[in-house]
Amino acid sequence: MVCILDGKIELRDDRIQATWTVKVNSFLLAPIPVTKELYFSIIQKTGELNEELQVPVTDVSWKDTVSFCNLFSQHMGLKECYLISDDGENVICNWEADGYRLPTEAEWQYACKAGTVGYRYGELDDIAWYLENSGDKPHVVGKKLPNAWGLYDMLGNVWEWCWDVYDANVYGSYRIFRGGSWAEEERGCGATCRRRSHPTLRIEDLGFRLAKSLS
């Protein structure tokens, strides 16, 4: 995993014309999204014959991702980050645990921008699979150029779930996802673009990336 040093990031919500600054503590972030190969191996599911296993896993709900994080943490002998209620409706994160978790929205955007100030960290065709160049499908991870911090596919290929609730007062339990995807138009593949979905929904171009707290 890549060590992301601490810093600050400005988030914004164009819907309500608001901006706010968040302090980001140092953390670890996977250089690529979770692949089908890793996901299937941990949940003990076999991929379809001739299926490309090095593409990002998709069709996973937010709840699927936090469960996976706990399972993978167990597999690696680490302390689980998430306390999940029996009915799955309530999830609490132990930020001090050494296991795997989802990045926060602030962590995700801070890592994506990698010290840059623009909407993207490079030319879109060089760094991302999106509607115009993807051939309407996801691609093997790590084939486009990384950002300055060695992170691949932060934009395009698949959207990535984050930990945060989008707006509890308006959208209830909806969670945030970031980054754009193979099916997204150019304008949707940017470091500050925010989307949301219900934590039980699975979408064909939505996956996730693993983070880890530093003690």
N, C-alpha and C. Protein backbone atom coordinates (compact mmCIF):
# COMPACT_ATOMS: atom_id res chain seq x y z
N MET A 1 0.84 -1.19 0.00
CA MET A 1 0.00 0.00 0.00
C MET A 1 0.88 1.25 0.00
N VAL A 2 0.33 2.35 -0.43
CA VAL A 2 1.06 3.61 -0.54
C VAL A 2 0.81 4.45 0.72
N CYS A 3 1.88 4.96 1.30
CA CYS A 3 1.75 5.82 2.47
C CYS A 3 1.43 7.24 2.02
N ILE A 4 0.29 7.74 2.46
CA ILE A 4 -0.14 9.09 2.13
C ILE A 4 0.11 9.97 3.36
N LEU A 5 0.98 10.95 3.24
CA LEU A 5 1.31 11.80 4.38
C LEU A 5 0.21 12.80 4.67
N ASP A 6 0.17 13.29 5.89
CA ASP A 6 -0.92 14.14 6.33
C ASP A 6 -0.94 15.48 5.60
N GLY A 7 -2.09 16.11 5.63
CA GLY A 7 -2.26 17.39 4.95
C GLY A 7 -3.68 17.88 5.10
N LYS A 8 -4.07 18.81 4.26
CA LYS A 8 -5.42 19.37 4.28
C LYS A 8 -5.99 19.33 2.87
N ILE A 9 -7.31 19.23 2.78
CA ILE A 9 -7.99 19.23 1.48
C ILE A 9 -9.30 20.00 1.59
N GLU A 10 -9.61 20.76 0.56
CA GLU A 10 -10.88 21.48 0.51
C GLU A 10 -11.90 20.65 -0.26
N LEU A 11 -13.00 20.33 0.40
CA LEU A 11 -14.11 19.63 -0.24
C LEU A 11 -15.18 20.64 -0.62
N ARG A 12 -16.01 20.25 -1.58
CA ARG A 12 -17.09 21.15 -1.95
C ARG A 12 -18.31 20.35 -2.37
N ASP A 13 -19.46 20.95 -2.16
CA ASP A 13 -20.73 20.37 -2.60
C ASP A 13 -21.42 21.41 -3.46
N ASP A 14 -21.34 21.23 -4.78
CA ASP A 14 -21.92 22.21 -5.70
C ASP A 14 -23.44 22.28 -5.57
N ARG A 15 -24.04 21.21 -5.07
CA ARG A 15 -25.50 21.17 -4.92
C ARG A 15 -25.99 22.25 -3.96
N ILE A 16 -25.23 22.47 -2.89
CA ILE A 16 -25.64 23.48 -1.90
C ILE A 16 -24.65 24.64 -1.84
N GLN A 17 -23.73 24.69 -2.82
CA GLN A 17 -22.76 25.78 -2.92
C GLN A 17 -21.98 25.96 -1.61
N ALA A 18 -21.42 24.85 -1.13
CA ALA A 18 -20.67 24.88 0.12
C ALA A 18 -19.26 24.33 -0.08
N THR A 19 -18.31 24.89 0.66
CA THR A 19 -16.95 24.35 0.69
C THR A 19 -16.51 24.24 2.14
N TRP A 20 -15.63 23.29 2.42
CA TRP A 20 -15.10 23.14 3.77
C TRP A 20 -13.75 22.44 3.69
N THR A 21 -12.92 22.71 4.66
CA THR A 21 -11.56 22.17 4.69
C THR A 21 -11.46 21.07 5.74
N VAL A 22 -10.81 19.97 5.36
CA VAL A 22 -10.67 18.81 6.24
C VAL A 22 -9.19 18.50 6.43
N LYS A 23 -8.78 18.26 7.67
CA LYS A 23 -7.42 17.80 7.94
C LYS A 23 -7.38 16.29 7.73
N VAL A 24 -6.39 15.83 6.99
CA VAL A 24 -6.22 14.41 6.70
C VAL A 24 -4.98 13.91 7.41
N ASN A 25 -5.16 12.92 8.28
CA ASN A 25 -4.01 12.30 8.94
C ASN A 25 -3.34 11.31 7.98
N SER A 26 -2.09 11.01 8.22
CA SER A 26 -1.37 10.05 7.39
C SER A 26 -2.09 8.70 7.42
N PHE A 27 -2.14 8.04 6.27
CA PHE A 27 -2.82 6.74 6.16
C PHE A 27 -2.23 5.98 5.00
N LEU A 28 -2.65 4.74 4.85
CA LEU A 28 -2.24 3.90 3.73
C LEU A 28 -3.39 3.73 2.77
N LEU A 29 -3.08 3.70 1.47
CA LEU A 29 -4.11 3.51 0.45
C LEU A 29 -3.58 2.55 -0.62
N ALA A 30 -4.42 1.62 -1.03
CA ALA A 30 -4.02 0.67 -2.06
C ALA A 30 -3.75 1.40 -3.37
N PRO A 31 -2.72 1.01 -4.11
CA PRO A 31 -2.41 1.68 -5.37
C PRO A 31 -3.40 1.39 -6.48
N ILE A 32 -4.21 0.35 -6.33
CA ILE A 32 -5.22 -0.03 -7.34
C ILE A 32 -6.54 -0.36 -6.64
N PRO A 33 -7.65 -0.32 -7.37
CA PRO A 33 -8.91 -0.77 -6.79
C PRO A 33 -8.86 -2.27 -6.51
N VAL A 34 -9.76 -2.73 -5.65
CA VAL A 34 -9.88 -4.17 -5.37
C VAL A 34 -10.29 -4.89 -6.66
N THR A 35 -9.53 -5.92 -7.01
CA THR A 35 -9.81 -6.68 -8.23
C THR A 35 -10.78 -7.82 -7.95
N LYS A 36 -11.34 -8.36 -9.02
CA LYS A 36 -12.19 -9.54 -8.88
C LYS A 36 -11.41 -10.69 -8.26
N GLU A 37 -10.14 -10.83 -8.65
CA GLU A 37 -9.34 -11.93 -8.13
C GLU A 37 -9.23 -11.87 -6.61
N LEU A 38 -8.91 -10.70 -6.07
CA LEU A 38 -8.79 -10.56 -4.63
C LEU A 38 -10.14 -10.74 -3.95
N TYR A 39 -11.14 -10.09 -4.49
CA TYR A 39 -12.47 -10.13 -3.87
C TYR A 39 -13.01 -11.56 -3.82
N PHE A 40 -12.95 -12.25 -4.95
CA PHE A 40 -13.49 -13.61 -5.00
C PHE A 40 -12.71 -14.56 -4.10
N SER A 41 -11.40 -14.35 -3.98
CA SER A 41 -10.59 -15.24 -3.15
C SER A 41 -10.94 -15.11 -1.68
N ILE A 42 -11.31 -13.91 -1.25
CA ILE A 42 -11.62 -13.70 0.16
C ILE A 42 -13.05 -14.12 0.49
N ILE A 43 -13.98 -13.87 -0.40
CA ILE A 43 -15.36 -14.28 -0.11
C ILE A 43 -15.63 -15.71 -0.57
N GLN A 44 -14.58 -16.35 -1.11
CA GLN A 44 -14.63 -17.76 -1.52
C GLN A 44 -15.71 -18.00 -2.58
N LYS A 45 -15.62 -17.17 -3.62
CA LYS A 45 -16.49 -17.32 -4.78
C LYS A 45 -15.60 -17.53 -6.00
N THR A 46 -16.04 -18.35 -6.93
CA THR A 46 -15.28 -18.61 -8.14
C THR A 46 -15.79 -17.73 -9.28
N GLY A 47 -14.87 -17.09 -9.99
CA GLY A 47 -15.27 -16.29 -11.13
C GLY A 47 -15.73 -17.15 -12.29
N GLU A 48 -16.45 -16.55 -13.22
CA GLU A 48 -16.93 -17.28 -14.38
C GLU A 48 -15.75 -17.68 -15.28
N LEU A 49 -15.93 -18.76 -16.02
CA LEU A 49 -14.90 -19.25 -16.91
C LEU A 49 -14.50 -18.15 -17.89
N ASN A 50 -13.19 -17.96 -18.07
CA ASN A 50 -12.63 -16.96 -18.98
C ASN A 50 -12.87 -15.52 -18.52
N GLU A 51 -13.31 -15.34 -17.29
CA GLU A 51 -13.52 -14.00 -16.78
C GLU A 51 -12.17 -13.35 -16.47
N GLU A 52 -12.02 -12.09 -16.84
CA GLU A 52 -10.79 -11.36 -16.55
C GLU A 52 -10.79 -10.97 -15.08
N LEU A 53 -9.88 -11.54 -14.32
CA LEU A 53 -9.89 -11.36 -12.87
C LEU A 53 -9.06 -10.17 -12.39
N GLN A 54 -8.31 -9.54 -13.29
CA GLN A 54 -7.50 -8.40 -12.90
C GLN A 54 -8.20 -7.06 -13.14
N VAL A 55 -9.48 -7.10 -13.48
CA VAL A 55 -10.26 -5.86 -13.56
C VAL A 55 -10.85 -5.57 -12.19
N PRO A 56 -11.25 -4.33 -11.92
CA PRO A 56 -11.85 -4.03 -10.62
C PRO A 56 -13.16 -4.80 -10.42
N VAL A 57 -13.39 -5.25 -9.20
CA VAL A 57 -14.66 -5.87 -8.88
C VAL A 57 -15.73 -4.77 -8.88
N THR A 58 -16.91 -5.09 -9.38
CA THR A 58 -18.03 -4.15 -9.41
C THR A 58 -19.28 -4.88 -8.92
N ASP A 59 -20.42 -4.20 -9.01
CA ASP A 59 -21.68 -4.79 -8.51
C ASP A 59 -21.54 -5.17 -7.05
N VAL A 60 -20.83 -4.35 -6.29
CA VAL A 60 -20.71 -4.56 -4.85
C VAL A 60 -21.35 -3.36 -4.14
N SER A 61 -22.22 -3.64 -3.19
CA SER A 61 -22.84 -2.57 -2.42
C SER A 61 -21.86 -2.02 -1.39
N TRP A 62 -22.21 -0.88 -0.81
CA TRP A 62 -21.38 -0.33 0.27
C TRP A 62 -21.29 -1.33 1.41
N LYS A 63 -22.41 -1.96 1.72
CA LYS A 63 -22.40 -2.96 2.79
C LYS A 63 -21.53 -4.16 2.45
N ASP A 64 -21.51 -4.55 1.17
CA ASP A 64 -20.60 -5.62 0.75
C ASP A 64 -19.15 -5.24 1.02
N THR A 65 -18.82 -3.98 0.76
CA THR A 65 -17.43 -3.56 0.87
C THR A 65 -16.96 -3.54 2.32
N VAL A 66 -17.80 -3.08 3.25
CA VAL A 66 -17.35 -3.07 4.65
C VAL A 66 -17.25 -4.50 5.18
N SER A 67 -18.12 -5.37 4.74
CA SER A 67 -18.01 -6.79 5.13
C SER A 67 -16.72 -7.40 4.59
N PHE A 68 -16.40 -7.07 3.33
CA PHE A 68 -15.15 -7.56 2.75
C PHE A 68 -13.95 -7.06 3.54
N CYS A 69 -13.96 -5.78 3.91
CA CYS A 69 -12.85 -5.23 4.68
C CYS A 69 -12.62 -6.04 5.95
N ASN A 70 -13.69 -6.38 6.65
CA ASN A 70 -13.55 -7.18 7.86
C ASN A 70 -13.02 -8.58 7.56
N LEU A 71 -13.54 -9.20 6.52
CA LEU A 71 -13.08 -10.54 6.15
C LEU A 71 -11.60 -10.54 5.76
N PHE A 72 -11.21 -9.55 5.00
CA PHE A 72 -9.81 -9.47 4.57
C PHE A 72 -8.90 -9.19 5.77
N SER A 73 -9.37 -8.35 6.69
CA SER A 73 -8.60 -8.09 7.89
C SER A 73 -8.40 -9.37 8.69
N GLN A 74 -9.47 -10.16 8.85
CA GLN A 74 -9.37 -11.45 9.53
C GLN A 74 -8.35 -12.35 8.83
N HIS A 75 -8.46 -12.39 7.51
CA HIS A 75 -7.57 -13.24 6.70
C HIS A 75 -6.11 -12.87 6.91
N MET A 76 -5.84 -11.58 7.11
CA MET A 76 -4.47 -11.10 7.25
C MET A 76 -4.02 -11.00 8.71
N GLY A 77 -4.88 -11.45 9.63
CA GLY A 77 -4.53 -11.42 11.04
C GLY A 77 -4.55 -10.03 11.65
N LEU A 78 -5.38 -9.16 11.12
CA LEU A 78 -5.48 -7.78 11.59
C LEU A 78 -6.80 -7.56 12.34
N LYS A 79 -6.85 -6.49 13.11
CA LYS A 79 -8.06 -6.17 13.86
C LYS A 79 -9.09 -5.53 12.94
N GLU A 80 -10.30 -6.03 12.97
CA GLU A 80 -11.37 -5.51 12.13
C GLU A 80 -11.66 -4.04 12.46
N CYS A 81 -11.91 -3.25 11.43
CA CYS A 81 -12.26 -1.84 11.64
C CYS A 81 -13.74 -1.64 11.92
N TYR A 82 -14.57 -2.52 11.37
CA TYR A 82 -16.01 -2.27 11.39
C TYR A 82 -16.76 -3.16 12.37
N LEU A 83 -17.60 -2.52 13.19
CA LEU A 83 -18.56 -3.22 14.02
C LEU A 83 -19.90 -3.12 13.30
N ILE A 84 -20.40 -4.25 12.83
CA ILE A 84 -21.61 -4.29 12.02
C ILE A 84 -22.72 -4.95 12.83
N SER A 85 -23.86 -4.28 12.96
CA SER A 85 -24.98 -4.83 13.72
C SER A 85 -25.50 -6.10 13.06
N ASP A 86 -26.20 -6.92 13.81
CA ASP A 86 -26.69 -8.20 13.30
C ASP A 86 -27.58 -8.03 12.07
N ASP A 87 -28.36 -6.95 12.03
CA ASP A 87 -29.23 -6.72 10.88
C ASP A 87 -28.53 -5.95 9.76
N GLY A 88 -27.27 -5.58 10.00
CA GLY A 88 -26.48 -4.89 8.98
C GLY A 88 -26.82 -3.43 8.79
N GLU A 89 -27.72 -2.90 9.61
CA GLU A 89 -28.18 -1.53 9.41
C GLU A 89 -27.24 -0.49 10.01
N ASN A 90 -26.49 -0.88 11.01
CA ASN A 90 -25.60 0.07 11.68
C ASN A 90 -24.16 -0.40 11.58
N VAL A 91 -23.29 0.52 11.14
CA VAL A 91 -21.87 0.21 10.99
C VAL A 91 -21.07 1.31 11.69
N ILE A 92 -20.21 0.89 12.62
CA ILE A 92 -19.34 1.81 13.35
C ILE A 92 -17.90 1.48 12.98
N CYS A 93 -17.11 2.52 12.72
CA CYS A 93 -15.71 2.32 12.36
C CYS A 93 -14.80 2.61 13.55
N ASN A 94 -13.91 1.66 13.83
CA ASN A 94 -12.84 1.86 14.80
C ASN A 94 -11.62 2.36 14.05
N TRP A 95 -11.39 3.65 14.09
CA TRP A 95 -10.32 4.26 13.30
C TRP A 95 -8.94 3.90 13.83
N GLU A 96 -8.88 3.35 15.03
CA GLU A 96 -7.60 2.97 15.62
C GLU A 96 -7.18 1.55 15.23
N ALA A 97 -8.12 0.76 14.69
CA ALA A 97 -7.82 -0.62 14.32
C ALA A 97 -6.82 -0.66 13.17
N ASP A 98 -6.04 -1.75 13.10
CA ASP A 98 -5.02 -1.85 12.07
C ASP A 98 -5.50 -2.60 10.83
N GLY A 99 -6.80 -2.92 10.78
CA GLY A 99 -7.35 -3.63 9.64
C GLY A 99 -7.67 -2.74 8.46
N TYR A 100 -8.27 -3.34 7.44
CA TYR A 100 -8.61 -2.62 6.21
C TYR A 100 -9.97 -1.95 6.32
N ARG A 101 -10.10 -0.83 5.64
CA ARG A 101 -11.33 -0.06 5.66
C ARG A 101 -11.48 0.70 4.35
N LEU A 102 -12.60 1.38 4.19
CA LEU A 102 -12.78 2.30 3.07
C LEU A 102 -12.12 3.62 3.39
N PRO A 103 -11.62 4.33 2.39
CA PRO A 103 -11.13 5.68 2.65
C PRO A 103 -12.31 6.61 2.93
N THR A 104 -12.05 7.64 3.71
CA THR A 104 -13.04 8.70 3.83
C THR A 104 -13.07 9.49 2.53
N GLU A 105 -14.09 10.29 2.36
CA GLU A 105 -14.15 11.14 1.17
C GLU A 105 -12.96 12.09 1.12
N ALA A 106 -12.60 12.67 2.26
CA ALA A 106 -11.47 13.60 2.28
C ALA A 106 -10.16 12.88 1.96
N GLU A 107 -9.96 11.69 2.52
CA GLU A 107 -8.77 10.92 2.20
C GLU A 107 -8.71 10.60 0.72
N TRP A 108 -9.85 10.19 0.16
CA TRP A 108 -9.89 9.81 -1.25
C TRP A 108 -9.49 11.00 -2.13
N GLN A 109 -10.11 12.16 -1.91
CA GLN A 109 -9.83 13.31 -2.77
C GLN A 109 -8.41 13.81 -2.58
N TYR A 110 -7.95 13.83 -1.35
CA TYR A 110 -6.58 14.25 -1.06
C TYR A 110 -5.57 13.37 -1.79
N ALA A 111 -5.80 12.05 -1.74
CA ALA A 111 -4.90 11.11 -2.41
C ALA A 111 -5.01 11.21 -3.92
N CYS A 112 -6.21 11.41 -4.43
CA CYS A 112 -6.43 11.53 -5.87
C CYS A 112 -5.68 12.73 -6.44
N LYS A 113 -5.80 13.87 -5.79
CA LYS A 113 -5.17 15.09 -6.31
C LYS A 113 -3.65 15.04 -6.20
N ALA A 114 -3.13 14.34 -5.18
CA ALA A 114 -1.68 14.13 -5.04
C ALA A 114 -0.89 15.43 -5.18
N GLY A 115 -1.39 16.45 -4.52
CA GLY A 115 -0.68 17.72 -4.53
C GLY A 115 -0.98 18.64 -5.69
N THR A 116 -1.77 18.18 -6.65
CA THR A 116 -2.14 19.03 -7.79
C THR A 116 -3.32 19.92 -7.42
N VAL A 117 -3.58 20.92 -8.25
CA VAL A 117 -4.64 21.88 -7.93
C VAL A 117 -5.79 21.85 -8.93
N GLY A 118 -5.66 21.13 -10.02
CA GLY A 118 -6.70 21.12 -11.05
C GLY A 118 -7.76 20.07 -10.81
N TYR A 119 -8.67 19.96 -11.77
CA TYR A 119 -9.76 18.99 -11.70
C TYR A 119 -9.24 17.56 -11.85
N ARG A 120 -8.12 17.41 -12.57
CA ARG A 120 -7.49 16.09 -12.78
C ARG A 120 -5.98 16.20 -12.57
N TYR A 121 -5.35 15.07 -12.32
CA TYR A 121 -3.90 15.04 -12.10
C TYR A 121 -3.12 14.78 -13.38
N GLY A 122 -3.80 14.75 -14.53
CA GLY A 122 -3.14 14.57 -15.81
C GLY A 122 -4.15 14.61 -16.94
N GLU A 123 -3.67 14.39 -18.18
CA GLU A 123 -4.57 14.34 -19.32
C GLU A 123 -5.46 13.10 -19.20
N LEU A 124 -6.76 13.27 -19.41
CA LEU A 124 -7.71 12.21 -19.11
C LEU A 124 -7.41 10.92 -19.86
N ASP A 125 -7.09 11.00 -21.15
CA ASP A 125 -6.82 9.78 -21.91
C ASP A 125 -5.58 9.05 -21.43
N ASP A 126 -4.67 9.76 -20.78
CA ASP A 126 -3.45 9.14 -20.27
C ASP A 126 -3.66 8.45 -18.93
N ILE A 127 -4.64 8.92 -18.15
CA ILE A 127 -4.77 8.44 -16.77
C ILE A 127 -6.03 7.63 -16.50
N ALA A 128 -7.00 7.63 -17.43
CA ALA A 128 -8.31 7.06 -17.09
C ALA A 128 -8.98 6.34 -18.25
N TRP A 129 -9.73 5.29 -17.89
CA TRP A 129 -10.68 4.66 -18.81
C TRP A 129 -12.04 5.30 -18.57
N TYR A 130 -12.60 5.91 -19.62
CA TYR A 130 -13.90 6.56 -19.50
C TYR A 130 -14.68 6.30 -20.77
N LEU A 131 -15.83 6.93 -20.90
CA LEU A 131 -16.76 6.59 -21.98
C LEU A 131 -16.13 6.61 -23.36
N GLU A 132 -15.25 7.56 -23.62
CA GLU A 132 -14.71 7.75 -24.96
C GLU A 132 -13.61 6.75 -25.33
N ASN A 133 -12.99 6.09 -24.36
CA ASN A 133 -11.88 5.20 -24.71
C ASN A 133 -11.98 3.80 -24.11
N SER A 134 -13.05 3.52 -23.38
CA SER A 134 -13.12 2.26 -22.64
C SER A 134 -13.70 1.09 -23.42
N GLY A 135 -14.38 1.38 -24.54
CA GLY A 135 -15.06 0.31 -25.24
C GLY A 135 -16.22 -0.27 -24.45
N ASP A 136 -16.79 0.55 -23.55
CA ASP A 136 -17.96 0.17 -22.73
C ASP A 136 -17.68 -1.03 -21.83
N LYS A 137 -16.51 -1.03 -21.22
CA LYS A 137 -16.19 -2.11 -20.28
C LYS A 137 -15.06 -1.67 -19.35
N PRO A 138 -14.95 -2.31 -18.19
CA PRO A 138 -13.82 -2.03 -17.31
C PRO A 138 -12.54 -2.65 -17.86
N HIS A 139 -11.41 -2.18 -17.38
CA HIS A 139 -10.12 -2.65 -17.88
C HIS A 139 -9.22 -3.12 -16.74
N VAL A 140 -8.24 -3.93 -17.11
CA VAL A 140 -7.25 -4.40 -16.14
C VAL A 140 -6.65 -3.21 -15.40
N VAL A 141 -6.52 -3.34 -14.09
CA VAL A 141 -6.04 -2.23 -13.28
C VAL A 141 -4.58 -1.90 -13.58
N GLY A 142 -4.22 -0.65 -13.37
CA GLY A 142 -2.83 -0.24 -13.44
C GLY A 142 -2.26 -0.06 -14.83
N LYS A 143 -3.09 0.04 -15.85
CA LYS A 143 -2.59 0.16 -17.22
C LYS A 143 -2.49 1.61 -17.70
N LYS A 144 -3.11 2.53 -16.99
CA LYS A 144 -2.98 3.95 -17.29
C LYS A 144 -1.93 4.56 -16.37
N LEU A 145 -1.52 5.80 -16.64
CA LEU A 145 -0.50 6.44 -15.83
C LEU A 145 -1.00 6.71 -14.42
N PRO A 146 -0.14 6.54 -13.41
CA PRO A 146 -0.54 6.85 -12.04
C PRO A 146 -0.43 8.34 -11.76
N ASN A 147 -0.96 8.75 -10.61
CA ASN A 147 -0.73 10.13 -10.19
C ASN A 147 0.65 10.23 -9.55
N ALA A 148 0.99 11.41 -9.06
CA ALA A 148 2.33 11.67 -8.55
C ALA A 148 2.67 10.83 -7.32
N TRP A 149 1.67 10.28 -6.66
CA TRP A 149 1.89 9.47 -5.46
C TRP A 149 1.80 7.98 -5.75
N GLY A 150 1.80 7.59 -7.03
CA GLY A 150 1.83 6.18 -7.39
C GLY A 150 0.51 5.46 -7.30
N LEU A 151 -0.59 6.19 -7.40
CA LEU A 151 -1.93 5.60 -7.33
C LEU A 151 -2.53 5.52 -8.73
N TYR A 152 -3.00 4.34 -9.10
CA TYR A 152 -3.56 4.09 -10.43
C TYR A 152 -5.09 4.10 -10.40
N ASP A 153 -5.67 4.50 -11.52
CA ASP A 153 -7.13 4.39 -11.72
C ASP A 153 -7.92 5.16 -10.68
N MET A 154 -7.36 6.21 -10.14
CA MET A 154 -8.14 7.04 -9.21
C MET A 154 -9.28 7.73 -9.95
N LEU A 155 -9.06 8.01 -11.23
CA LEU A 155 -10.13 8.52 -12.08
C LEU A 155 -10.42 7.48 -13.16
N GLY A 156 -11.69 7.31 -13.48
CA GLY A 156 -12.08 6.35 -14.50
C GLY A 156 -11.98 4.91 -14.04
N ASN A 157 -12.24 4.01 -14.95
CA ASN A 157 -12.31 2.55 -14.74
C ASN A 157 -13.54 2.20 -13.90
N VAL A 158 -13.51 2.43 -12.58
CA VAL A 158 -14.73 2.25 -11.79
C VAL A 158 -14.83 3.36 -10.74
N TRP A 159 -16.07 3.74 -10.43
CA TRP A 159 -16.31 4.59 -9.27
C TRP A 159 -15.87 3.83 -8.03
N GLU A 160 -15.57 4.56 -6.95
CA GLU A 160 -15.09 3.92 -5.72
C GLU A 160 -15.88 4.41 -4.51
N TRP A 161 -16.43 3.45 -3.77
CA TRP A 161 -17.16 3.76 -2.54
C TRP A 161 -16.23 4.43 -1.52
N CYS A 162 -16.75 5.41 -0.81
CA CYS A 162 -16.08 6.00 0.34
C CYS A 162 -16.90 5.72 1.61
N TRP A 163 -16.32 6.00 2.75
CA TRP A 163 -16.99 5.74 4.02
C TRP A 163 -18.19 6.65 4.25
N ASP A 164 -18.11 7.91 3.85
CA ASP A 164 -19.00 8.94 4.34
C ASP A 164 -20.45 8.86 3.86
N VAL A 165 -21.35 9.29 4.75
CA VAL A 165 -22.74 9.55 4.39
C VAL A 165 -22.77 10.84 3.57
N TYR A 166 -23.60 10.87 2.52
CA TYR A 166 -23.64 12.02 1.62
C TYR A 166 -24.29 13.24 2.28
N ASP A 167 -25.53 13.12 2.68
CA ASP A 167 -26.26 14.20 3.36
C ASP A 167 -27.42 13.53 4.09
N ALA A 168 -27.22 13.24 5.36
CA ALA A 168 -28.21 12.46 6.12
C ALA A 168 -29.56 13.16 6.19
N ASN A 169 -29.58 14.48 6.23
CA ASN A 169 -30.84 15.20 6.34
C ASN A 169 -31.69 15.10 5.08
N VAL A 170 -31.03 14.97 3.94
CA VAL A 170 -31.75 14.93 2.66
C VAL A 170 -31.84 13.52 2.10
N TYR A 171 -30.75 12.76 2.18
CA TYR A 171 -30.67 11.46 1.52
C TYR A 171 -30.56 10.28 2.48
N GLY A 172 -30.71 10.52 3.77
CA GLY A 172 -30.68 9.43 4.73
C GLY A 172 -29.33 8.73 4.76
N SER A 173 -29.34 7.43 4.53
CA SER A 173 -28.12 6.61 4.67
C SER A 173 -27.27 6.54 3.40
N TYR A 174 -27.62 7.28 2.36
CA TYR A 174 -26.86 7.23 1.12
C TYR A 174 -25.38 7.53 1.38
N ARG A 175 -24.50 6.74 0.74
CA ARG A 175 -23.07 6.90 0.90
C ARG A 175 -22.44 7.48 -0.37
N ILE A 176 -21.26 8.07 -0.19
CA ILE A 176 -20.57 8.77 -1.28
C ILE A 176 -19.71 7.80 -2.08
N PHE A 177 -19.66 8.02 -3.40
CA PHE A 177 -18.61 7.37 -4.20
C PHE A 177 -17.97 8.39 -5.12
N ARG A 178 -16.75 8.09 -5.54
CA ARG A 178 -15.90 9.08 -6.21
C ARG A 178 -15.18 8.49 -7.42
N GLY A 179 -14.73 9.37 -8.33
CA GLY A 179 -13.71 9.03 -9.31
C GLY A 179 -14.11 8.83 -10.76
N GLY A 180 -15.40 8.64 -11.06
CA GLY A 180 -15.77 8.37 -12.45
C GLY A 180 -15.55 6.92 -12.82
N SER A 181 -15.92 6.55 -14.04
CA SER A 181 -15.83 5.14 -14.44
C SER A 181 -15.71 5.00 -15.95
N TRP A 182 -15.60 3.74 -16.38
CA TRP A 182 -15.53 3.41 -17.80
C TRP A 182 -16.79 3.85 -18.55
N ALA A 183 -17.90 4.01 -17.84
CA ALA A 183 -19.16 4.38 -18.48
C ALA A 183 -19.47 5.87 -18.35
N GLU A 184 -18.57 6.61 -17.75
CA GLU A 184 -18.83 8.02 -17.44
C GLU A 184 -18.29 8.95 -18.50
N GLU A 185 -19.03 10.04 -18.76
CA GLU A 185 -18.54 11.07 -19.66
C GLU A 185 -17.35 11.80 -19.02
N GLU A 186 -16.66 12.54 -19.85
CA GLU A 186 -15.44 13.23 -19.42
C GLU A 186 -15.66 14.09 -18.18
N ARG A 187 -16.76 14.82 -18.14
CA ARG A 187 -16.98 15.76 -17.04
C ARG A 187 -17.15 15.06 -15.69
N GLY A 188 -17.52 13.78 -15.71
CA GLY A 188 -17.73 13.04 -14.47
C GLY A 188 -16.47 12.44 -13.89
N CYS A 189 -15.35 12.54 -14.61
CA CYS A 189 -14.08 11.95 -14.16
C CYS A 189 -13.16 13.04 -13.65
N GLY A 190 -13.40 13.47 -12.43
CA GLY A 190 -12.60 14.53 -11.84
C GLY A 190 -12.47 14.35 -10.35
N ALA A 191 -11.44 14.94 -9.78
CA ALA A 191 -11.12 14.72 -8.36
C ALA A 191 -12.19 15.22 -7.41
N THR A 192 -12.98 16.21 -7.83
CA THR A 192 -13.97 16.78 -6.93
C THR A 192 -15.40 16.34 -7.24
N CYS A 193 -15.58 15.48 -8.22
CA CYS A 193 -16.92 15.04 -8.60
C CYS A 193 -17.46 14.08 -7.54
N ARG A 194 -18.66 14.35 -7.02
CA ARG A 194 -19.26 13.57 -5.94
C ARG A 194 -20.55 12.91 -6.42
N ARG A 195 -20.72 11.64 -6.10
CA ARG A 195 -21.96 10.93 -6.39
C ARG A 195 -22.41 10.19 -5.13
N ARG A 196 -23.60 9.62 -5.17
CA ARG A 196 -24.16 8.97 -3.99
C ARG A 196 -25.05 7.81 -4.40
N SER A 197 -25.22 6.86 -3.49
CA SER A 197 -26.16 5.77 -3.72
C SER A 197 -26.52 5.13 -2.38
N HIS A 198 -27.63 4.41 -2.37
CA HIS A 198 -28.04 3.69 -1.17
C HIS A 198 -27.03 2.60 -0.86
N PRO A 199 -26.71 2.38 0.41
CA PRO A 199 -25.65 1.41 0.75
C PRO A 199 -25.95 -0.04 0.42
N THR A 200 -27.17 -0.34 0.00
CA THR A 200 -27.50 -1.72 -0.39
C THR A 200 -27.47 -1.94 -1.90
N LEU A 201 -27.33 -0.87 -2.66
CA LEU A 201 -27.41 -0.99 -4.12
C LEU A 201 -26.07 -1.41 -4.72
N ARG A 202 -26.17 -2.20 -5.78
CA ARG A 202 -24.99 -2.65 -6.53
C ARG A 202 -25.09 -2.09 -7.95
N ILE A 203 -23.98 -1.53 -8.43
CA ILE A 203 -23.97 -0.84 -9.71
C ILE A 203 -22.83 -1.40 -10.55
N GLU A 204 -23.06 -1.53 -11.86
CA GLU A 204 -22.12 -2.24 -12.72
C GLU A 204 -20.78 -1.55 -12.91
N ASP A 205 -20.67 -0.27 -12.56
CA ASP A 205 -19.38 0.42 -12.72
C ASP A 205 -18.90 1.02 -11.40
N LEU A 206 -19.31 0.42 -10.30
CA LEU A 206 -18.95 0.92 -8.97
C LEU A 206 -18.23 -0.16 -8.16
N GLY A 207 -17.00 0.15 -7.74
CA GLY A 207 -16.20 -0.77 -6.94
C GLY A 207 -15.67 -0.07 -5.71
N PHE A 208 -14.44 -0.41 -5.30
CA PHE A 208 -13.87 0.22 -4.11
C PHE A 208 -12.37 -0.02 -4.05
N ARG A 209 -11.74 0.71 -3.12
CA ARG A 209 -10.29 0.66 -2.90
C ARG A 209 -10.06 0.58 -1.40
N LEU A 210 -9.03 -0.14 -0.99
CA LEU A 210 -8.76 -0.34 0.43
C LEU A 210 -7.86 0.74 1.01
N ALA A 211 -8.20 1.14 2.24
CA ALA A 211 -7.38 2.06 3.02
C ALA A 211 -7.02 1.38 4.34
N LYS A 212 -6.09 2.00 5.06
CA LYS A 212 -5.65 1.44 6.32
C LYS A 212 -5.12 2.59 7.18
N SER A 213 -5.55 2.63 8.43
CA SER A 213 -5.06 3.68 9.33
C SER A 213 -3.63 3.41 9.77
N LEU A 214 -2.92 4.47 10.10
CA LEU A 214 -1.59 4.36 10.67
C LEU A 214 -1.67 4.70 12.15
N SER A 215 -1.02 3.90 12.98
CA SER A 215 -1.05 4.14 14.42
C SER A 215 -0.13 5.29 14.79
